[in-house]
Amino acid sequence: MIERHRMVIEGFGCRTRTLTDCSAFMTQLVRRLGTLELGRIQINVVPKTILNSRGKFAVPGISVLVEYLESGAGLRTWPEERFVTLDIFSCKEFDSQSIIVLFKGFFSPEKIRKAVF
């Protein structure tokens, strides 16, 4: 039977980042996991309206999905909420504390919630 390892990190009160920045984070994540990236999908989620509820221009959300040799990871952002979520799933063990340090250093969340499975 294949062992599965999974970790979810939710960041609240994060700095707003661009798609380029989020893609750079995922590149750092793949390096930190010590694996080989096989493919990547990057989506800039355009809001339904250009203006948000406060009458300011809405910043699009970002999704970056990376498939790597042992499984994959997904990063999703909600800039208006200053919320970021990272979901890592792998057949290979990884150092979850090292990933948390990377996440905190990159997004500077005021608070995080994590779950390791």
N, C-alpha and C. Protein backbone atom coordinates (compact mmCIF):
# COMPACT_ATOMS: atom_id res chain seq x y z
N MET A 1 0.83 -1.18 0.00
CA MET A 1 0.00 0.00 0.00
C MET A 1 0.88 1.25 0.00
N ILE A 2 0.47 2.26 -0.77
CA ILE A 2 1.21 3.52 -0.86
C ILE A 2 0.85 4.39 0.33
N GLU A 3 1.89 4.91 1.00
CA GLU A 3 1.65 5.86 2.08
C GLU A 3 1.28 7.20 1.49
N ARG A 4 0.35 7.87 2.12
CA ARG A 4 -0.04 9.20 1.66
C ARG A 4 0.22 10.21 2.77
N HIS A 5 0.72 11.36 2.37
CA HIS A 5 1.00 12.44 3.30
C HIS A 5 0.30 13.69 2.76
N ARG A 6 -0.37 14.40 3.65
CA ARG A 6 -1.10 15.58 3.20
C ARG A 6 -1.01 16.66 4.26
N MET A 7 -0.97 17.89 3.78
CA MET A 7 -0.91 19.03 4.68
C MET A 7 -1.70 20.17 4.07
N VAL A 8 -2.49 20.84 4.87
CA VAL A 8 -3.25 22.01 4.44
C VAL A 8 -2.88 23.16 5.37
N ILE A 9 -2.54 24.30 4.78
CA ILE A 9 -2.25 25.50 5.55
C ILE A 9 -3.20 26.59 5.07
N GLU A 10 -3.85 27.24 6.01
CA GLU A 10 -4.68 28.40 5.69
C GLU A 10 -4.04 29.61 6.35
N GLY A 11 -3.85 30.65 5.56
CA GLY A 11 -3.25 31.89 6.07
C GLY A 11 -4.26 33.01 6.06
N PHE A 12 -4.42 33.68 7.20
CA PHE A 12 -5.37 34.78 7.35
C PHE A 12 -4.59 36.08 7.53
N GLY A 13 -5.06 37.17 6.91
CA GLY A 13 -4.37 38.45 7.03
C GLY A 13 -3.06 38.48 6.27
N CYS A 14 -3.02 37.81 5.12
CA CYS A 14 -1.80 37.71 4.31
C CYS A 14 -1.59 38.94 3.43
N ARG A 15 -0.33 39.13 3.04
CA ARG A 15 -0.02 40.15 2.04
C ARG A 15 -0.63 39.72 0.71
N THR A 16 -1.15 40.66 -0.05
CA THR A 16 -1.67 40.36 -1.39
C THR A 16 -0.48 40.14 -2.31
N ARG A 17 -0.54 39.07 -3.10
CA ARG A 17 0.56 38.74 -4.01
C ARG A 17 0.03 38.63 -5.43
N THR A 18 0.90 38.74 -6.40
CA THR A 18 0.52 38.59 -7.80
C THR A 18 0.69 37.14 -8.23
N LEU A 19 0.18 36.84 -9.43
CA LEU A 19 0.35 35.49 -9.97
C LEU A 19 1.82 35.14 -10.09
N THR A 20 2.63 36.09 -10.52
CA THR A 20 4.06 35.86 -10.65
C THR A 20 4.67 35.50 -9.30
N ASP A 21 4.27 36.22 -8.26
CA ASP A 21 4.78 35.93 -6.92
C ASP A 21 4.35 34.55 -6.45
N CYS A 22 3.06 34.22 -6.68
CA CYS A 22 2.55 32.92 -6.24
C CYS A 22 3.23 31.78 -6.98
N SER A 23 3.51 32.00 -8.25
CA SER A 23 4.23 31.00 -9.04
C SER A 23 5.65 30.81 -8.48
N ALA A 24 6.27 31.91 -8.09
CA ALA A 24 7.62 31.84 -7.49
C ALA A 24 7.57 31.06 -6.18
N PHE A 25 6.51 31.27 -5.39
CA PHE A 25 6.35 30.51 -4.15
C PHE A 25 6.29 29.02 -4.45
N MET A 26 5.51 28.65 -5.46
CA MET A 26 5.36 27.23 -5.79
C MET A 26 6.69 26.64 -6.27
N THR A 27 7.48 27.42 -6.97
CA THR A 27 8.81 26.96 -7.38
C THR A 27 9.67 26.68 -6.15
N GLN A 28 9.61 27.59 -5.16
CA GLN A 28 10.35 27.40 -3.91
C GLN A 28 9.83 26.17 -3.16
N LEU A 29 8.51 25.97 -3.18
CA LEU A 29 7.91 24.82 -2.50
C LEU A 29 8.41 23.51 -3.10
N VAL A 30 8.42 23.42 -4.42
CA VAL A 30 8.88 22.19 -5.08
C VAL A 30 10.33 21.92 -4.71
N ARG A 31 11.15 22.98 -4.67
CA ARG A 31 12.55 22.81 -4.25
C ARG A 31 12.64 22.32 -2.81
N ARG A 32 11.82 22.91 -1.94
CA ARG A 32 11.83 22.55 -0.52
C ARG A 32 11.39 21.10 -0.32
N LEU A 33 10.45 20.65 -1.15
CA LEU A 33 10.00 19.26 -1.08
C LEU A 33 11.04 18.29 -1.65
N GLY A 34 12.00 18.81 -2.40
CA GLY A 34 13.06 17.98 -2.97
C GLY A 34 12.54 17.04 -4.04
N THR A 35 11.70 17.56 -4.92
CA THR A 35 11.09 16.72 -5.94
C THR A 35 11.21 17.36 -7.32
N LEU A 36 10.70 16.70 -8.33
CA LEU A 36 10.78 17.15 -9.72
C LEU A 36 9.40 17.59 -10.19
N GLU A 37 9.29 18.84 -10.64
CA GLU A 37 8.01 19.34 -11.15
C GLU A 37 7.73 18.74 -12.52
N LEU A 38 6.50 18.24 -12.70
CA LEU A 38 6.09 17.64 -13.97
C LEU A 38 5.19 18.55 -14.79
N GLY A 39 4.43 19.41 -14.13
CA GLY A 39 3.52 20.31 -14.84
C GLY A 39 2.94 21.34 -13.90
N ARG A 40 2.41 22.44 -14.50
CA ARG A 40 1.88 23.54 -13.70
C ARG A 40 0.74 24.20 -14.44
N ILE A 41 -0.30 24.54 -13.71
CA ILE A 41 -1.42 25.31 -14.24
C ILE A 41 -1.53 26.55 -13.38
N GLN A 42 -1.61 27.71 -14.03
CA GLN A 42 -1.75 28.97 -13.32
C GLN A 42 -3.02 29.66 -13.82
N ILE A 43 -3.87 30.05 -12.90
CA ILE A 43 -5.13 30.67 -13.26
C ILE A 43 -5.27 31.98 -12.50
N ASN A 44 -5.55 33.05 -13.22
CA ASN A 44 -5.85 34.33 -12.62
C ASN A 44 -7.36 34.44 -12.63
N VAL A 45 -8.01 34.28 -11.50
CA VAL A 45 -9.46 34.23 -11.42
C VAL A 45 -10.02 35.65 -11.47
N VAL A 46 -10.67 35.98 -12.59
CA VAL A 46 -11.20 37.32 -12.79
C VAL A 46 -12.51 37.47 -12.00
N PRO A 47 -12.62 38.53 -11.20
CA PRO A 47 -13.86 38.72 -10.45
C PRO A 47 -15.04 39.00 -11.38
N LYS A 48 -16.25 38.71 -10.89
CA LYS A 48 -17.46 38.92 -11.69
C LYS A 48 -17.64 40.40 -12.04
N THR A 49 -17.23 41.24 -11.15
CA THR A 49 -17.34 42.68 -11.38
C THR A 49 -15.99 43.33 -11.13
N ILE A 50 -15.76 44.42 -11.79
CA ILE A 50 -14.48 45.11 -11.62
C ILE A 50 -14.43 45.80 -10.25
N LEU A 51 -15.59 46.24 -9.74
CA LEU A 51 -15.63 46.91 -8.45
C LEU A 51 -16.07 45.94 -7.36
N ASN A 52 -15.46 46.03 -6.22
CA ASN A 52 -15.90 45.21 -5.09
C ASN A 52 -16.99 45.95 -4.32
N SER A 53 -17.42 45.40 -3.22
CA SER A 53 -18.53 45.98 -2.45
C SER A 53 -18.18 47.35 -1.86
N ARG A 54 -16.91 47.66 -1.75
CA ARG A 54 -16.49 48.94 -1.19
C ARG A 54 -16.26 49.99 -2.28
N GLY A 55 -16.57 49.63 -3.55
CA GLY A 55 -16.40 50.56 -4.65
C GLY A 55 -14.98 50.68 -5.16
N LYS A 56 -14.10 49.77 -4.71
CA LYS A 56 -12.71 49.77 -5.18
C LYS A 56 -12.54 48.67 -6.21
N PHE A 57 -11.52 48.81 -7.04
CA PHE A 57 -11.26 47.77 -8.03
C PHE A 57 -10.89 46.47 -7.32
N ALA A 58 -11.52 45.40 -7.72
CA ALA A 58 -11.26 44.09 -7.12
C ALA A 58 -9.97 43.51 -7.68
N VAL A 59 -9.20 42.86 -6.82
CA VAL A 59 -7.98 42.16 -7.23
C VAL A 59 -8.36 40.71 -7.50
N PRO A 60 -7.97 40.20 -8.67
CA PRO A 60 -8.35 38.80 -8.97
C PRO A 60 -7.69 37.81 -8.03
N GLY A 61 -8.39 36.71 -7.76
CA GLY A 61 -7.80 35.62 -7.00
C GLY A 61 -6.85 34.85 -7.90
N ILE A 62 -6.00 34.06 -7.29
CA ILE A 62 -4.98 33.32 -8.03
C ILE A 62 -5.02 31.86 -7.61
N SER A 63 -4.89 30.98 -8.57
CA SER A 63 -4.74 29.55 -8.29
C SER A 63 -3.52 29.05 -9.05
N VAL A 64 -2.66 28.35 -8.36
CA VAL A 64 -1.50 27.70 -9.00
C VAL A 64 -1.51 26.25 -8.56
N LEU A 65 -1.60 25.35 -9.52
CA LEU A 65 -1.58 23.91 -9.25
C LEU A 65 -0.32 23.33 -9.86
N VAL A 66 0.42 22.57 -9.07
CA VAL A 66 1.67 21.96 -9.53
C VAL A 66 1.59 20.46 -9.32
N GLU A 67 1.86 19.72 -10.37
CA GLU A 67 2.01 18.27 -10.27
C GLU A 67 3.50 17.99 -10.20
N TYR A 68 3.90 17.20 -9.24
CA TYR A 68 5.31 16.84 -9.13
C TYR A 68 5.44 15.33 -9.01
N LEU A 69 6.64 14.86 -9.07
CA LEU A 69 6.91 13.43 -9.20
C LEU A 69 6.14 12.57 -8.20
N GLU A 70 6.03 12.99 -6.97
CA GLU A 70 5.36 12.17 -5.96
C GLU A 70 3.89 12.50 -5.76
N SER A 71 3.35 13.54 -6.34
CA SER A 71 1.93 13.92 -6.26
C SER A 71 1.69 15.35 -6.71
N GLY A 72 1.25 16.27 -5.83
CA GLY A 72 0.98 17.62 -6.27
C GLY A 72 0.64 18.56 -5.13
N ALA A 73 0.49 19.86 -5.50
CA ALA A 73 0.16 20.90 -4.53
C ALA A 73 -0.69 21.96 -5.21
N GLY A 74 -1.55 22.57 -4.43
CA GLY A 74 -2.38 23.65 -4.95
C GLY A 74 -2.35 24.85 -4.02
N LEU A 75 -2.23 26.03 -4.60
CA LEU A 75 -2.23 27.28 -3.86
C LEU A 75 -3.37 28.12 -4.41
N ARG A 76 -4.20 28.66 -3.51
CA ARG A 76 -5.32 29.50 -3.93
C ARG A 76 -5.35 30.74 -3.06
N THR A 77 -5.66 31.89 -3.69
CA THR A 77 -5.71 33.15 -2.94
C THR A 77 -7.07 33.83 -3.10
N TRP A 78 -7.45 34.56 -2.06
CA TRP A 78 -8.62 35.42 -2.05
C TRP A 78 -8.13 36.78 -1.55
N PRO A 79 -7.61 37.62 -2.47
CA PRO A 79 -6.97 38.89 -2.06
C PRO A 79 -7.87 39.82 -1.25
N GLU A 80 -9.15 39.92 -1.61
CA GLU A 80 -10.04 40.82 -0.88
C GLU A 80 -10.18 40.39 0.58
N GLU A 81 -10.06 39.09 0.81
CA GLU A 81 -10.16 38.56 2.17
C GLU A 81 -8.78 38.43 2.83
N ARG A 82 -7.72 38.68 2.03
CA ARG A 82 -6.33 38.50 2.48
C ARG A 82 -6.13 37.07 3.01
N PHE A 83 -6.67 36.11 2.25
CA PHE A 83 -6.68 34.70 2.64
C PHE A 83 -5.96 33.86 1.59
N VAL A 84 -5.11 32.94 2.04
CA VAL A 84 -4.38 32.03 1.16
C VAL A 84 -4.49 30.62 1.72
N THR A 85 -4.68 29.66 0.84
CA THR A 85 -4.67 28.26 1.28
C THR A 85 -3.69 27.47 0.42
N LEU A 86 -2.96 26.57 1.07
CA LEU A 86 -2.00 25.69 0.41
C LEU A 86 -2.36 24.26 0.78
N ASP A 87 -2.47 23.41 -0.24
CA ASP A 87 -2.81 22.00 -0.03
C ASP A 87 -1.72 21.16 -0.69
N ILE A 88 -1.01 20.39 0.10
CA ILE A 88 0.06 19.52 -0.41
C ILE A 88 -0.36 18.08 -0.19
N PHE A 89 -0.23 17.27 -1.23
CA PHE A 89 -0.48 15.83 -1.10
C PHE A 89 0.67 15.10 -1.74
N SER A 90 1.15 14.06 -1.06
CA SER A 90 2.37 13.41 -1.52
C SER A 90 2.42 11.95 -1.08
N CYS A 91 3.06 11.15 -1.89
CA CYS A 91 3.33 9.76 -1.54
C CYS A 91 4.68 9.67 -0.81
N LYS A 92 5.40 10.79 -0.78
CA LYS A 92 6.71 10.86 -0.15
C LYS A 92 6.60 11.74 1.10
N GLU A 93 7.25 11.34 2.19
CA GLU A 93 7.25 12.16 3.40
C GLU A 93 7.93 13.49 3.12
N PHE A 94 7.50 14.53 3.83
CA PHE A 94 8.13 15.84 3.72
C PHE A 94 8.14 16.50 5.09
N ASP A 95 8.98 17.50 5.23
CA ASP A 95 9.16 18.21 6.49
C ASP A 95 8.10 19.32 6.59
N SER A 96 7.01 19.06 7.30
CA SER A 96 5.90 20.01 7.37
C SER A 96 6.33 21.32 8.05
N GLN A 97 7.20 21.26 9.03
CA GLN A 97 7.65 22.48 9.71
C GLN A 97 8.40 23.40 8.75
N SER A 98 9.21 22.82 7.89
CA SER A 98 9.94 23.59 6.89
C SER A 98 8.98 24.29 5.92
N ILE A 99 7.90 23.64 5.57
CA ILE A 99 6.90 24.21 4.66
C ILE A 99 6.17 25.37 5.35
N ILE A 100 5.87 25.22 6.63
CA ILE A 100 5.22 26.30 7.39
C ILE A 100 6.11 27.53 7.44
N VAL A 101 7.41 27.33 7.68
CA VAL A 101 8.36 28.44 7.71
C VAL A 101 8.39 29.15 6.36
N LEU A 102 8.40 28.40 5.27
CA LEU A 102 8.39 28.98 3.92
C LEU A 102 7.11 29.78 3.70
N PHE A 103 5.96 29.22 4.06
CA PHE A 103 4.67 29.87 3.89
C PHE A 103 4.61 31.18 4.68
N LYS A 104 5.01 31.12 5.95
CA LYS A 104 4.98 32.32 6.79
C LYS A 104 5.92 33.41 6.25
N GLY A 105 7.09 33.00 5.82
CA GLY A 105 8.06 33.96 5.30
C GLY A 105 7.59 34.63 4.02
N PHE A 106 6.83 33.91 3.22
CA PHE A 106 6.40 34.44 1.93
C PHE A 106 5.14 35.28 2.03
N PHE A 107 4.13 34.81 2.76
CA PHE A 107 2.83 35.49 2.79
C PHE A 107 2.62 36.36 4.03
N SER A 108 3.48 36.26 5.03
CA SER A 108 3.37 37.05 6.27
C SER A 108 1.96 37.05 6.85
N PRO A 109 1.38 35.87 7.10
CA PRO A 109 0.02 35.84 7.64
C PRO A 109 -0.02 36.32 9.09
N GLU A 110 -1.13 36.96 9.44
CA GLU A 110 -1.34 37.35 10.84
C GLU A 110 -1.64 36.11 11.67
N LYS A 111 -2.27 35.12 11.04
CA LYS A 111 -2.64 33.88 11.74
C LYS A 111 -2.66 32.74 10.72
N ILE A 112 -2.28 31.55 11.14
CA ILE A 112 -2.41 30.38 10.26
C ILE A 112 -3.16 29.28 10.99
N ARG A 113 -3.77 28.44 10.17
CA ARG A 113 -4.37 27.20 10.68
C ARG A 113 -3.81 26.10 9.80
N LYS A 114 -3.32 25.05 10.42
CA LYS A 114 -2.72 23.97 9.64
C LYS A 114 -3.31 22.62 10.05
N ALA A 115 -3.28 21.73 9.10
CA ALA A 115 -3.70 20.36 9.37
C ALA A 115 -2.75 19.44 8.63
N VAL A 116 -2.24 18.45 9.32
CA VAL A 116 -1.35 17.45 8.72
C VAL A 116 -2.04 16.11 8.84
N PHE A 117 -2.13 15.40 7.73
CA PHE A 117 -2.81 14.10 7.70
C PHE A 117 -1.80 12.99 7.48
